[in-house]
Amino acid sequence: MVGPGSGVKVMRRFVEEPRAVDAVVVVLATWFVLGGYITAYAYVHTAGTILAGPEKAGFTTVTAAWSLLTLYLFAGFALGLRRGRAWNRSLPDGQTGTFAAALIFGAAWIVDDAFWSPAFGVGGVGLDSLFTPPHLVEIAAAAIMVSGPLRAAARRGEAVASPVTLTSAALLLSVLTFATQFGHPLIDPWPARDYEFEGAAVKWIGENMGMAALLAQTAILAGTGLLLNSAFKLRPGSLIFVFTINGILVCITKGHFALLPVPIVAGVAADAWVAFTARRPGRPSASLCAVIGGAYAFAYMAEISLLPAGTSWGASLWAGAIIACTMLSWLMGRLLRAGLPAAIIEPYLTLAEESMPERWTLDPDSTAREQLIRSALDDLGTPEALGRSPLARLPSVSRGGSAAAELRALLVDVISELAASPAPRDAEAGHLLLDYYVRRVGSHEVIMERLHMSRPTYYRRLHHGYELVGNRIDQLSVANRVPVKE
């Protein structure tokens, strides 16, 4: 029989354990985004008419999901503060931004209802409603809210994208496609001969709109695939999962579910390419983007052509659309993978190197050793800073993947080994490092109380833990014959 204490532990787990928090956030965020697309259906499904039933259902779903998400994160934030954590560590990594974005979303909503709409008379349908300043703030805040689990997984250095991470990425993609719904080929199939507005517009307007929509959405889709493949190892079916979720949400807008196979085919092609290139060193970037863009455009044009009414576009434009989407996606992959020009980032790298302590050394009396270890442990939740640590440059740490992720995994493994050590002193040192740096239970004072240590004993164990971690890194360096400074 489960007692009250067990129930409290379960509740605390869902507001303290990072992966449990991610799961709750992604469930509420899914309903939040779904409500947004139901609202979009009410506004755009029938030209010039707002459908009252779907509008009410959509707004109710958005309001309920946002309210529950905000209250849930507030409870976790308050509990973290009560346990003695700093405000920016009260929630798990990545979720402090989610909480702030939820508050901004609510503030923008209040401003929209109480000031903007009454003052400017904004209403009706179309871009006049979608692109008001408060609505743009809400869209930006929504993107941060739904991407919280994705950011959290990246900050923790997770190597493999979990279903929660992939769902968060799909929701982020869906927020972007919601903001650009006026130019989406699954919402407005301009190439289709029986599209309701195809004959009402001048022919070149339909071609321009259709081509612009294909180019924009294939670029967004390719960018999403590149983001996931660069940050995580993708299991088979990962991109199918992400693109299908987004396709379902987008098709809700005007009910064009006959076009749902298009994103599914793009996901199949992308996953197949990731699997095929896994035998080669490195990860595909530009080629993956090109596969996504080309597969999406080909599947779209092929399906439009196979529909009973067919397409109004000629064969030349049909083929040109596919080639253009492939080329644009490939170019985007090249540019994003390349990053900033060396001339821009070199000064910052120089400054960073000047401010860093000595390189790793086997000398146990060196004062730099403890400083390097402490700095790396402080940056466990910040991949950008952790990747700049001199420890990340050791060949025994970086093996061709993400240096930050591999260094974090190494440090966590070493600390976990210490915590399981049969020597009581070493195990105590491992436990406090685990609680403070990995689990982020709270401040030093909180962990002292948690482990029943006096202040002098606590700090002796802390410095002993740094020493043990350094010794383990020495062993790895020698085992792998890493050249280090003597």
Protein backbone atom coordinates (compact mmCIF):
# COMPACT_ATOMS: atom_id res chain seq x y z
CA MET A 1 0.00 0.00 0.00
CA VAL A 2 1.39 3.39 -1.03
CA GLY A 3 1.63 5.91 1.82
CA PRO A 4 1.40 9.71 1.73
CA GLY A 5 5.19 9.97 1.82
CA SER A 6 5.50 7.97 -1.40
CA GLY A 7 2.96 10.24 -3.09
CA VAL A 8 4.96 13.31 -2.07
CA LYS A 9 8.16 11.75 -3.45
CA VAL A 10 6.45 11.05 -6.77
CA MET A 11 5.17 14.65 -6.94
CA ARG A 12 8.62 16.02 -6.15
CA ARG A 13 10.12 13.81 -8.84
CA PHE A 14 7.88 15.44 -11.43
CA VAL A 15 9.07 18.92 -10.49
CA GLU A 16 12.73 18.17 -9.78
CA GLU A 17 14.01 15.36 -12.01
CA PRO A 18 15.06 16.95 -15.33
CA ARG A 19 13.73 14.24 -17.65
CA ALA A 20 10.42 14.05 -15.79
CA VAL A 21 10.07 17.84 -16.07
CA ASP A 22 10.84 17.64 -19.79
CA ALA A 23 8.11 15.02 -20.26
CA VAL A 24 5.48 17.11 -18.49
CA VAL A 25 6.48 20.25 -20.39
CA VAL A 26 6.34 18.51 -23.76
CA VAL A 27 2.87 17.07 -23.06
CA LEU A 28 1.45 20.47 -22.10
CA ALA A 29 3.30 22.15 -24.98
CA THR A 30 1.77 19.67 -27.43
CA TRP A 31 -1.74 20.66 -26.34
CA PHE A 32 -0.69 24.31 -26.47
CA VAL A 33 0.46 24.09 -30.09
CA LEU A 34 -2.51 21.91 -31.05
CA GLY A 35 -4.84 24.58 -29.68
CA GLY A 36 -3.05 27.18 -31.81
CA TYR A 37 -3.60 25.18 -34.97
CA ILE A 38 -7.26 24.58 -34.13
CA THR A 39 -7.61 28.34 -33.77
CA ALA A 40 -5.88 28.79 -37.12
CA TYR A 41 -8.40 26.35 -38.64
CA ALA A 42 -11.25 28.53 -37.35
CA TYR A 43 -9.75 31.61 -38.99
CA VAL A 44 -8.54 30.33 -42.36
CA HIS A 45 -10.54 27.23 -43.28
CA THR A 46 -13.40 29.22 -44.76
CA ALA A 47 -12.34 32.41 -46.54
CA GLY A 48 -13.59 35.56 -44.83
CA THR A 49 -15.39 33.65 -42.05
CA ILE A 50 -14.43 32.81 -38.47
CA LEU A 51 -15.82 29.45 -37.33
CA ALA A 52 -17.14 30.04 -33.81
CA GLY A 53 -16.97 26.43 -32.55
CA PRO A 54 -13.33 25.71 -33.50
CA GLU A 55 -12.31 29.21 -32.41
CA LYS A 56 -13.69 28.65 -28.92
CA ALA A 57 -12.19 25.15 -28.73
CA GLY A 58 -8.79 26.42 -29.87
CA PHE A 59 -8.65 29.35 -27.47
CA THR A 60 -9.81 27.15 -24.59
CA THR A 61 -7.09 24.57 -25.32
CA VAL A 62 -4.37 27.23 -25.61
CA THR A 63 -5.48 28.95 -22.40
CA ALA A 64 -5.71 25.73 -20.41
CA ALA A 65 -2.37 24.37 -21.64
CA TRP A 66 -0.57 27.68 -21.05
CA SER A 67 -2.08 28.06 -17.58
CA LEU A 68 -1.15 24.54 -16.50
CA LEU A 69 2.36 24.86 -17.92
CA THR A 70 2.95 28.21 -16.19
CA LEU A 71 1.60 26.98 -12.84
CA TYR A 72 3.64 23.78 -13.08
CA LEU A 73 6.89 25.65 -13.76
CA PHE A 74 6.06 28.19 -11.06
CA ALA A 75 5.64 25.35 -8.54
CA GLY A 76 9.02 23.89 -9.55
CA PHE A 77 10.63 27.33 -9.40
CA ALA A 78 9.24 28.02 -5.93
CA LEU A 79 10.31 24.60 -4.67
CA GLY A 80 13.82 25.15 -5.99
CA LEU A 81 14.10 28.51 -4.22
CA ARG A 82 12.79 26.96 -1.01
CA ARG A 83 15.49 24.29 -1.16
CA GLY A 84 18.18 26.98 -1.28
CA ARG A 85 19.03 26.99 -4.98
CA ALA A 86 19.94 30.12 -6.90
CA TRP A 87 17.06 31.54 -8.93
CA ASN A 88 18.66 30.53 -12.22
CA ARG A 89 19.11 26.95 -10.95
CA SER A 90 15.72 26.53 -9.35
CA LEU A 91 14.44 24.74 -12.44
CA PRO A 92 16.31 22.08 -14.43
CA ASP A 93 18.57 23.21 -17.27
CA GLY A 94 16.64 24.76 -20.14
CA GLN A 95 13.39 25.24 -18.21
CA THR A 96 14.14 28.63 -16.64
CA GLY A 97 13.86 30.10 -20.14
CA THR A 98 10.62 28.18 -20.65
CA PHE A 99 9.16 29.70 -17.48
CA ALA A 100 10.26 33.22 -18.45
CA ALA A 101 8.81 32.76 -21.95
CA ALA A 102 5.49 31.57 -20.48
CA LEU A 103 5.30 34.76 -18.39
CA ILE A 104 6.11 36.90 -21.43
CA PHE A 105 3.45 35.08 -23.45
CA GLY A 106 0.86 35.86 -20.77
CA ALA A 107 1.93 39.50 -20.60
CA ALA A 108 1.67 39.87 -24.39
CA TRP A 109 -1.76 38.25 -24.31
CA ILE A 110 -2.94 40.72 -21.66
CA VAL A 111 -1.56 43.67 -23.63
CA ASP A 112 -3.28 42.39 -26.78
CA ASP A 113 -6.69 42.00 -25.13
CA ALA A 114 -6.58 45.04 -22.86
CA PHE A 115 -4.82 47.60 -25.02
CA TRP A 116 -3.76 46.70 -28.53
CA SER A 117 -6.95 45.27 -30.00
CA PRO A 118 -9.28 47.91 -28.44
CA ALA A 119 -6.97 50.75 -29.49
CA PHE A 120 -6.21 49.63 -33.04
CA GLY A 121 -9.32 47.63 -33.81
CA VAL A 122 -7.38 44.54 -34.89
CA GLY A 123 -9.61 41.60 -35.75
CA GLY A 124 -10.89 39.48 -38.55
CA VAL A 125 -8.68 37.15 -40.54
CA GLY A 126 -5.43 37.32 -42.50
CA LEU A 127 -2.03 38.82 -41.75
CA ASP A 128 -3.69 41.84 -40.12
CA SER A 129 -4.60 39.50 -37.27
CA LEU A 130 -1.54 37.20 -37.31
CA PHE A 131 1.14 39.86 -37.51
CA THR A 132 0.15 42.32 -34.79
CA PRO A 133 3.11 43.20 -32.49
CA PRO A 134 1.61 41.38 -29.45
CA HIS A 135 0.97 38.28 -31.57
CA LEU A 136 4.56 38.30 -32.80
CA VAL A 137 5.79 38.45 -29.22
CA GLU A 138 3.48 35.55 -28.39
CA ILE A 139 4.87 33.49 -31.30
CA ALA A 140 8.46 34.16 -30.22
CA ALA A 141 7.64 33.24 -26.62
CA ALA A 142 5.84 30.10 -27.79
CA ALA A 143 8.95 29.00 -29.71
CA ILE A 144 11.04 29.30 -26.53
CA MET A 145 8.39 27.53 -24.45
CA VAL A 146 8.03 24.46 -26.64
CA SER A 147 11.79 24.12 -27.23
CA GLY A 148 12.58 23.87 -23.50
CA PRO A 149 13.06 20.07 -23.49
CA LEU A 150 15.18 20.33 -26.64
CA ARG A 151 17.45 22.92 -25.00
CA ALA A 152 17.57 20.89 -21.79
CA ALA A 153 18.70 17.75 -23.62
CA ALA A 154 21.44 19.71 -25.41
CA ARG A 155 22.63 21.31 -22.16
CA ARG A 156 22.79 17.94 -20.44
CA GLY A 157 24.92 16.69 -23.30
CA GLU A 158 22.58 13.83 -24.23
CA ALA A 159 24.07 11.91 -27.12
CA VAL A 160 20.87 10.31 -28.47
CA ALA A 161 17.66 12.22 -29.18
CA SER A 162 14.87 10.79 -27.04
CA PRO A 163 11.17 10.83 -28.02
CA VAL A 164 10.65 13.81 -25.70
CA THR A 165 13.49 15.71 -27.39
CA LEU A 166 12.16 14.86 -30.85
CA THR A 167 8.64 15.96 -29.89
CA SER A 168 10.02 19.26 -28.62
CA ALA A 169 11.84 19.73 -31.94
CA ALA A 170 8.62 18.94 -33.83
CA LEU A 171 6.73 21.51 -31.78
CA LEU A 172 9.41 24.14 -32.42
CA LEU A 173 9.15 23.38 -36.14
CA SER A 174 5.37 23.68 -35.86
CA VAL A 175 5.60 27.11 -34.22
CA LEU A 176 7.75 28.26 -37.16
CA THR A 177 5.29 26.85 -39.70
CA PHE A 178 2.42 28.46 -37.75
CA ALA A 179 4.13 31.85 -38.07
CA THR A 180 4.64 31.27 -41.82
CA GLN A 181 1.29 29.59 -42.52
CA PHE A 182 0.48 32.22 -45.15
CA GLY A 183 3.20 30.64 -47.29
CA HIS A 184 2.90 26.89 -46.75
CA PRO A 185 2.37 24.44 -49.64
CA LEU A 186 0.29 22.04 -47.49
CA ILE A 187 -2.10 24.85 -46.57
CA ASP A 188 -2.33 26.62 -49.93
CA PRO A 189 -1.54 24.14 -52.75
CA TRP A 190 -1.16 26.71 -55.52
CA PRO A 191 0.12 24.18 -58.11
CA ALA A 192 -3.14 22.16 -57.86
CA ARG A 193 -5.51 22.78 -60.74
CA ASP A 194 -8.55 22.57 -58.44
CA TYR A 195 -7.22 24.87 -55.71
CA GLU A 196 -9.99 27.31 -54.85
CA PHE A 197 -7.92 30.46 -55.51
CA GLU A 198 -5.86 29.15 -58.43
CA GLY A 199 -8.25 30.43 -61.06
CA ALA A 200 -9.15 33.61 -59.19
CA ALA A 201 -5.62 35.02 -59.39
CA VAL A 202 -3.41 35.94 -62.31
CA LYS A 203 -1.43 32.84 -63.33
CA TRP A 204 1.95 34.24 -62.41
CA ILE A 205 0.74 35.21 -58.93
CA GLY A 206 -0.17 31.59 -58.20
CA GLU A 207 3.18 30.40 -59.52
CA ASN A 208 5.06 32.99 -57.46
CA MET A 209 3.18 32.16 -54.30
CA GLY A 210 3.54 28.41 -54.80
CA MET A 211 7.27 28.59 -55.49
CA ALA A 212 7.92 30.96 -52.57
CA ALA A 213 6.01 28.65 -50.21
CA LEU A 214 7.99 25.59 -51.33
CA LEU A 215 11.35 27.34 -50.98
CA ALA A 216 10.53 28.75 -47.55
CA GLN A 217 9.14 25.57 -46.02
CA THR A 218 11.79 23.22 -47.39
CA ALA A 219 14.43 25.56 -45.94
CA ILE A 220 12.74 25.51 -42.51
CA LEU A 221 12.38 21.73 -42.65
CA ALA A 222 16.00 21.22 -43.74
CA GLY A 223 17.20 23.52 -40.95
CA THR A 224 15.31 21.43 -38.40
CA GLY A 225 16.86 18.22 -39.69
CA LEU A 226 20.34 19.76 -39.61
CA LEU A 227 19.82 21.03 -36.05
CA LEU A 228 18.83 17.60 -34.77
CA ASN A 229 21.49 15.66 -36.66
CA SER A 230 24.26 18.04 -35.56
CA ALA A 231 23.32 18.01 -31.88
CA PHE A 232 22.26 14.39 -31.38
CA LYS A 233 22.62 10.88 -32.67
CA LEU A 234 19.33 10.05 -34.38
CA ARG A 235 17.72 6.66 -34.09
CA PRO A 236 16.01 5.24 -37.22
CA GLY A 237 12.66 6.93 -37.71
CA SER A 238 13.54 10.09 -35.77
CA LEU A 239 13.03 12.54 -38.63
CA ILE A 240 9.93 10.69 -39.83
CA PHE A 241 8.52 11.21 -36.33
CA VAL A 242 9.34 14.95 -36.28
CA PHE A 243 8.12 15.70 -39.81
CA THR A 244 4.93 13.67 -39.38
CA ILE A 245 3.90 15.50 -36.20
CA ASN A 246 4.46 18.81 -37.95
CA GLY A 247 2.60 17.62 -41.06
CA ILE A 248 -0.46 16.59 -39.02
CA LEU A 249 -0.61 19.96 -37.28
CA VAL A 250 -0.18 21.90 -40.52
CA CYS A 251 -2.82 19.85 -42.34
CA ILE A 252 -5.34 20.70 -39.60
CA THR A 253 -5.34 24.31 -40.79
CA LYS A 254 -7.31 23.66 -43.97
CA GLY A 255 -7.92 19.93 -43.75
CA HIS A 256 -5.60 18.96 -46.62
CA PHE A 257 -4.72 15.59 -45.08
CA ALA A 258 -4.34 14.10 -48.55
CA LEU A 259 -0.98 15.90 -48.63
CA LEU A 260 0.25 14.37 -45.36
CA PRO A 261 2.40 11.75 -47.19
CA VAL A 262 4.64 14.62 -48.38
CA PRO A 263 6.40 15.29 -45.04
CA ILE A 264 6.41 11.55 -44.32
CA VAL A 265 8.29 10.84 -47.55
CA ALA A 266 10.76 13.63 -46.71
CA GLY A 267 11.30 12.04 -43.28
CA VAL A 268 11.84 8.60 -44.79
CA ALA A 269 14.42 9.98 -47.23
CA ALA A 270 16.19 11.93 -44.46
CA ASP A 271 16.37 8.96 -42.09
CA ALA A 272 17.63 6.73 -44.89
CA TRP A 273 20.36 9.23 -45.73
CA VAL A 274 21.41 9.54 -42.07
CA ALA A 275 21.64 5.75 -41.84
CA PHE A 276 23.55 5.48 -45.13
CA THR A 277 26.12 8.13 -44.18
CA ALA A 278 26.64 6.69 -40.68
CA ARG A 279 29.39 4.50 -42.15
CA ARG A 280 31.41 7.60 -42.98
CA PRO A 281 33.29 9.82 -40.50
CA GLY A 282 31.44 12.95 -39.40
CA ARG A 283 27.78 13.75 -39.85
CA PRO A 284 26.06 14.88 -43.05
CA SER A 285 25.10 18.54 -43.17
CA ALA A 286 24.65 20.07 -46.61
CA SER A 287 23.87 16.70 -48.20
CA LEU A 288 21.20 15.98 -45.56
CA CYS A 289 19.61 19.38 -46.15
CA ALA A 290 19.60 18.75 -49.90
CA VAL A 291 17.96 15.34 -49.43
CA ILE A 292 15.24 16.83 -47.21
CA GLY A 293 14.55 19.75 -49.54
CA GLY A 294 14.61 17.69 -52.71
CA ALA A 295 12.53 14.82 -51.30
CA TYR A 296 9.90 17.20 -49.92
CA ALA A 297 9.58 19.14 -53.19
CA PHE A 298 9.53 15.97 -55.31
CA ALA A 299 6.91 14.26 -53.13
CA TYR A 300 4.79 17.41 -53.12
CA MET A 301 4.85 17.96 -56.88
CA ALA A 302 4.36 14.25 -57.55
CA GLU A 303 1.33 14.04 -55.27
CA ILE A 304 -0.24 17.22 -56.69
CA SER A 305 0.20 15.78 -60.17
CA LEU A 306 -1.33 12.43 -59.16
CA LEU A 307 -4.46 14.01 -57.66
CA PRO A 308 -7.58 13.77 -59.89
CA ALA A 309 -7.43 17.42 -60.95
CA GLY A 310 -3.68 17.34 -61.56
CA THR A 311 -1.39 20.37 -61.62
CA SER A 312 -1.57 23.62 -63.57
CA TRP A 313 2.24 23.94 -63.59
CA GLY A 314 4.18 22.89 -66.65
CA ALA A 315 6.87 20.20 -66.63
CA SER A 316 9.67 22.78 -66.71
CA LEU A 317 8.39 24.62 -63.63
CA TRP A 318 7.61 21.28 -61.99
CA ALA A 319 11.23 20.14 -62.33
CA GLY A 320 12.63 23.60 -61.61
CA ALA A 321 10.82 23.75 -58.26
CA ILE A 322 12.46 20.50 -57.16
CA ILE A 323 15.92 21.57 -58.27
CA ALA A 324 15.58 25.02 -56.69
CA CYS A 325 14.48 23.58 -53.33
CA THR A 326 17.35 21.10 -53.39
CA MET A 327 19.91 23.78 -54.22
CA LEU A 328 18.64 26.24 -51.61
CA SER A 329 18.59 23.58 -48.89
CA TRP A 330 22.09 22.41 -49.82
CA LEU A 331 23.44 25.97 -49.73
CA MET A 332 21.78 26.61 -46.37
CA GLY A 333 23.36 23.45 -44.98
CA ARG A 334 26.78 24.56 -46.16
CA LEU A 335 26.42 28.02 -44.62
CA LEU A 336 24.98 26.89 -41.29
CA ARG A 337 27.54 24.13 -40.92
CA ALA A 338 30.38 26.50 -41.69
CA GLY A 339 29.25 28.94 -39.00
CA LEU A 340 30.79 32.38 -38.56
CA PRO A 341 33.78 33.40 -40.68
CA ALA A 342 37.13 32.82 -39.01
CA ALA A 343 37.84 36.56 -39.14
CA ILE A 344 34.88 37.17 -36.84
CA ILE A 345 35.44 34.45 -34.24
CA GLU A 346 39.26 34.49 -34.16
CA PRO A 347 39.53 37.56 -31.87
CA TYR A 348 37.16 35.95 -29.39
CA LEU A 349 39.10 32.68 -29.44
CA THR A 350 42.31 34.62 -28.79
CA LEU A 351 40.78 36.45 -25.83
CA ALA A 352 39.39 33.19 -24.47
CA GLU A 353 42.76 31.49 -24.72
CA GLU A 354 44.48 34.41 -22.99
CA SER A 355 42.01 34.28 -20.09
CA MET A 356 42.24 30.50 -19.66
CA PRO A 357 44.60 28.89 -17.12
CA GLU A 358 47.47 26.63 -18.08
CA ARG A 359 46.97 23.54 -20.12
CA TRP A 360 46.35 20.26 -18.37
CA THR A 361 49.44 18.96 -16.65
CA LEU A 362 50.41 15.76 -14.88
CA ASP A 363 52.12 17.75 -12.15
CA PRO A 364 50.01 17.11 -9.00
CA ASP A 365 51.31 20.32 -7.40
CA SER A 366 50.06 22.54 -10.22
CA THR A 367 47.44 25.06 -9.08
CA ALA A 368 45.85 24.98 -12.54
CA ARG A 369 44.54 21.42 -12.19
CA GLU A 370 41.87 22.13 -9.60
CA GLN A 371 40.91 25.38 -11.33
CA LEU A 372 40.42 23.60 -14.67
CA ILE A 373 38.34 20.82 -13.11
CA ARG A 374 36.19 23.23 -11.11
CA SER A 375 35.58 25.41 -14.17
CA ALA A 376 34.60 22.40 -16.27
CA LEU A 377 32.21 21.16 -13.59
CA ASP A 378 30.66 24.62 -13.28
CA ASP A 379 30.02 24.55 -17.04
CA LEU A 380 28.40 21.09 -17.16
CA GLY A 381 25.06 22.69 -18.06
CA THR A 382 26.53 25.07 -20.65
CA PRO A 383 27.86 23.15 -23.68
CA GLU A 384 29.25 26.28 -25.33
CA ALA A 385 31.52 27.06 -22.37
CA LEU A 386 32.34 23.41 -21.65
CA GLY A 387 33.47 22.90 -25.23
CA ARG A 388 36.06 25.69 -24.73
CA SER A 389 37.63 23.98 -21.71
CA PRO A 390 41.23 22.83 -22.22
CA LEU A 391 40.08 19.42 -20.98
CA ALA A 392 37.85 19.11 -24.05
CA ARG A 393 40.95 19.22 -26.27
CA LEU A 394 42.45 16.05 -24.85
CA PRO A 395 42.35 13.29 -27.49
CA SER A 396 41.14 10.90 -24.79
CA VAL A 397 38.06 13.10 -24.41
CA SER A 398 37.23 14.24 -27.94
CA ARG A 399 36.85 11.34 -30.37
CA GLY A 400 35.28 13.08 -33.33
CA GLY A 401 31.88 13.92 -31.86
CA SER A 402 30.77 16.83 -29.72
CA ALA A 403 33.68 17.72 -27.41
CA ALA A 404 31.31 19.29 -24.88
CA ALA A 405 29.02 16.26 -24.78
CA GLU A 406 31.92 13.82 -24.50
CA LEU A 407 33.67 15.82 -21.77
CA ARG A 408 30.44 16.06 -19.82
CA ALA A 409 29.85 12.33 -20.15
CA LEU A 410 33.42 11.64 -18.99
CA LEU A 411 33.12 13.89 -15.92
CA VAL A 412 29.73 12.43 -14.98
CA ASP A 413 31.09 8.89 -15.33
CA VAL A 414 34.13 9.68 -13.18
CA ILE A 415 31.99 11.30 -10.47
CA SER A 416 29.55 8.36 -10.53
CA GLU A 417 32.49 5.96 -10.10
CA LEU A 418 33.68 7.97 -7.09
CA ALA A 419 30.22 7.91 -5.52
CA ALA A 420 30.23 4.10 -5.81
CA SER A 421 33.74 3.75 -4.39
CA PRO A 422 34.20 1.28 -1.49
CA ALA A 423 36.41 3.85 0.28
CA PRO A 424 34.06 5.98 2.47
CA ARG A 425 36.09 9.18 2.03
CA ASP A 426 36.17 8.86 -1.75
CA ALA A 427 32.47 7.95 -1.88
CA GLU A 428 31.56 11.04 0.18
CA ALA A 429 33.56 13.21 -2.21
CA GLY A 430 31.80 11.59 -5.16
CA HIS A 431 28.35 12.05 -3.64
CA LEU A 432 28.80 15.77 -2.98
CA LEU A 433 30.19 16.37 -6.49
CA LEU A 434 27.25 14.42 -7.90
CA ASP A 435 24.68 16.39 -5.89
CA TYR A 436 26.19 19.82 -6.49
CA TYR A 437 27.37 19.67 -10.09
CA VAL A 438 25.36 16.92 -11.81
CA ARG A 439 22.02 16.75 -10.01
CA ARG A 440 22.18 20.41 -8.90
CA VAL A 441 20.35 19.66 -5.69
CA GLY A 442 21.11 23.08 -4.22
CA SER A 443 23.76 25.31 -2.71
CA HIS A 444 26.80 24.07 -0.81
CA GLU A 445 24.90 24.68 2.45
CA VAL A 446 21.99 22.54 1.27
CA ILE A 447 24.29 19.66 0.35
CA MET A 448 26.18 19.95 3.66
CA GLU A 449 22.89 19.44 5.46
CA ARG A 450 21.81 16.71 3.06
CA LEU A 451 25.04 14.72 3.60
CA HIS A 452 25.26 15.57 7.33
CA MET A 453 28.72 17.14 7.04
CA SER A 454 30.29 19.99 8.93
CA ARG A 455 31.59 22.90 6.87
CA PRO A 456 35.30 22.00 7.23
CA THR A 457 34.62 18.35 6.39
CA TYR A 458 32.50 19.31 3.40
CA TYR A 459 35.17 21.50 1.83
CA ARG A 460 37.90 18.93 2.54
CA ARG A 461 35.82 16.34 0.68
CA LEU A 462 35.16 18.84 -2.12
CA HIS A 463 38.86 19.48 -2.72
CA HIS A 464 39.55 15.76 -2.39
CA GLY A 465 36.93 15.14 -5.06
CA TYR A 466 38.66 17.59 -7.43
CA GLU A 467 41.93 15.75 -6.77
CA LEU A 468 40.38 12.35 -7.49
CA VAL A 469 38.79 13.57 -10.73
CA GLY A 470 42.17 14.97 -11.79
CA ASN A 471 43.88 11.68 -11.00
CA ARG A 472 41.35 9.80 -13.12
CA ILE A 473 41.95 12.18 -16.03
CA ASP A 474 45.68 11.54 -15.59
CA GLN A 475 45.07 7.82 -15.88
CA LEU A 476 43.10 8.30 -19.08
CA SER A 477 45.76 10.61 -20.48
CA VAL A 478 48.54 8.12 -19.82
CA ALA A 479 46.47 5.17 -21.06
CA ASN A 480 45.77 6.95 -24.32
CA ARG A 481 49.28 8.38 -24.53
CA VAL A 482 48.03 11.94 -24.62
CA PRO A 483 50.84 14.49 -24.89
CA VAL A 484 50.51 16.77 -21.89
CA LYS A 485 52.71 19.44 -20.41
CA GLU A 486 55.10 18.12 -17.77
